[in-house]
C-alpha atoms as a PDB file:
ATOM      1  CA  MET A   1       5.357  20.971  -7.089  1.00  0.00           C
ATOM      2  CA  LEU A   2       1.846  19.557  -7.083  1.00  0.00           C
ATOM      3  CA  VAL A   3       2.996  16.384  -8.827  1.00  0.00           C
ATOM      4  CA  ARG A   4       5.645  15.763  -6.164  1.00  0.00           C
ATOM      5  CA  MET A   5       3.110  16.359  -3.386  1.00  0.00           C
ATOM      6  CA  ILE A   6       0.731  13.831  -4.926  1.00  0.00           C
ATOM      7  CA  GLY A   7       3.673  11.429  -5.216  1.00  0.00           C
ATOM      8  CA  LEU A   8       4.432  11.840  -1.520  1.00  0.00           C
ATOM      9  CA  ILE A   9       0.782  11.251  -0.652  1.00  0.00           C
ATOM     10  CA  CYS A  10       0.782   8.053  -2.737  1.00  0.00           C
ATOM     11  CA  ILE A  11       3.923   6.834  -0.980  1.00  0.00           C
ATOM     12  CA  ALA A  12       2.394   7.622   2.415  1.00  0.00           C
ATOM     13  CA  VAL A  13      -0.795   5.724   1.498  1.00  0.00           C
ATOM     14  CA  SER A  14       1.355   2.817   0.357  1.00  0.00           C
ATOM     15  CA  ILE A  15       3.244   2.687   3.648  1.00  0.00           C
ATOM     16  CA  TRP A  16      -0.015   2.840   5.592  1.00  0.00           C
ATOM     17  CA  GLN A  17      -1.474   0.045   3.442  1.00  0.00           C
ATOM     18  CA  LEU A  18       1.578  -2.157   3.994  1.00  0.00           C
ATOM     19  CA  TYR A  19       1.242  -1.580   7.742  1.00  0.00           C
ATOM     20  CA  ALA A  20      -2.476  -2.456   7.640  1.00  0.00           C
ATOM     21  CA  VAL A  21      -1.805  -5.657   5.676  1.00  0.00           C
ATOM     22  CA  ARG A  22       0.902  -6.675   8.143  1.00  0.00           C
ATOM     23  CA  GLN A  23      -1.336  -6.004  11.134  1.00  0.00           C
ATOM     24  CA  ALA A  24      -4.218  -7.966   9.574  1.00  0.00           C
ATOM     25  CA  PHE A  25      -1.894 -10.876   8.780  1.00  0.00           C
ATOM     26  CA  LEU A  26      -0.539 -10.976  12.322  1.00  0.00           C
ATOM     27  CA  ASP A  27      -4.065 -10.759  13.742  1.00  0.00           C
ATOM     28  CA  VAL A  28      -5.215 -13.718  11.655  1.00  0.00           C
ATOM     29  CA  LYS A  29      -2.037 -15.622  12.466  1.00  0.00           C
ATOM     30  CA  HIS A  30      -2.497 -15.233  16.215  1.00  0.00           C
ATOM     31  CA  HIS A  31      -6.286 -15.212  16.552  1.00  0.00           C
ATOM     32  CA  GLY A  32      -7.519 -17.058  13.471  1.00  0.00           C
ATOM     33  CA  ASN A  33      -9.536 -20.215  13.911  1.00  0.00           C
ATOM     34  CA  ALA A  34     -12.110 -22.281  12.025  1.00  0.00           C
ATOM     35  CA  ALA A  35     -14.534 -19.358  12.101  1.00  0.00           C
ATOM     36  CA  THR A  36     -12.097 -17.122  10.193  1.00  0.00           C
ATOM     37  CA  SER A  37     -13.241 -16.396   6.661  1.00  0.00           C
ATOM     38  CA  THR A  38     -11.346 -18.185   3.931  1.00  0.00           C
ATOM     39  CA  PHE A  39     -11.467 -14.990   1.879  1.00  0.00           C
ATOM     40  CA  ILE A  40      -8.999 -13.213   4.194  1.00  0.00           C
ATOM     41  CA  ALA A  41      -6.150 -14.365   1.940  1.00  0.00           C
ATOM     42  CA  TYR A  42      -7.742 -12.550  -1.005  1.00  0.00           C
ATOM     43  CA  GLY A  43      -8.078  -9.429   1.099  1.00  0.00           C
ATOM     44  CA  LEU A  44      -4.441  -9.565   2.175  1.00  0.00           C
ATOM     45  CA  TRP A  45      -3.182 -10.114  -1.374  1.00  0.00           C
ATOM     46  CA  THR A  46      -5.390  -7.332  -2.691  1.00  0.00           C
ATOM     47  CA  GLY A  47      -4.136  -4.955  -0.003  1.00  0.00           C
ATOM     48  CA  LEU A  48      -0.549  -5.867  -0.800  1.00  0.00           C
ATOM     49  CA  THR A  49      -1.166  -5.368  -4.521  1.00  0.00           C
ATOM     50  CA  PHE A  50      -2.637  -1.901  -3.972  1.00  0.00           C
ATOM     51  CA  ALA A  51       0.267  -0.994  -1.693  1.00  0.00           C
ATOM     52  CA  ILE A  52       2.767  -1.957  -4.385  1.00  0.00           C
ATOM     53  CA  ILE A  53       0.808  -0.062  -7.046  1.00  0.00           C
ATOM     54  CA  PHE A  54       0.684   3.080  -4.906  1.00  0.00           C
ATOM     55  CA  LEU A  55       4.386   2.776  -4.073  1.00  0.00           C
ATOM     56  CA  ILE A  56       5.411   2.458  -7.719  1.00  0.00           C
ATOM     57  CA  GLY A  57       3.002   5.219  -8.741  1.00  0.00           C
ATOM     58  CA  GLY A  58       4.301   7.501  -5.998  1.00  0.00           C
ATOM     59  CA  PHE A  59       7.902   7.038  -7.086  1.00  0.00           C
ATOM     60  CA  MET A  60       6.938   7.586 -10.718  1.00  0.00           C
ATOM     61  CA  LEU A  61       5.201  10.839  -9.793  1.00  0.00           C
ATOM     62  CA  MET A  62       8.203  11.946  -7.761  1.00  0.00           C
ATOM     63  CA  ILE A  63      10.503  11.313 -10.728  1.00  0.00           C
ATOM     64  CA  ALA A  64       8.090  13.060 -13.105  1.00  0.00           C
ATOM     65  CA  GLY A  65       7.919  16.023 -10.735  1.00  0.00           C
ATOM     66  CA  LEU A  66      11.691  16.321 -10.762  1.00  0.00           C
ATOM     67  CA  SER A  67      11.846  16.269 -14.545  1.00  0.00           C
ATOM     68  CA  TRP A  68       9.354  19.172 -14.756  1.00  0.00           C
ATOM     69  CA  LEU A  69      11.713  21.458 -12.863  1.00  0.00           C
ATOM     70  CA  GLY A  70      13.998  22.098 -15.810  1.00  0.00           C
END
């Protein structure tokens, strides 16, 4: 039960992170100019990477939680 709850939390964090990356990308796309930091691309890719890691980890925990039922 606890493993599945942690899996759900990881999936929720992943969805929130994907939303934050999308919002940051759209903000830079619409309001970015010469004063925008060139490191924003690294931040977006890092956020996307963590979102994918949390999503995969969350699904793995959900599957592991199901296998512990038997």
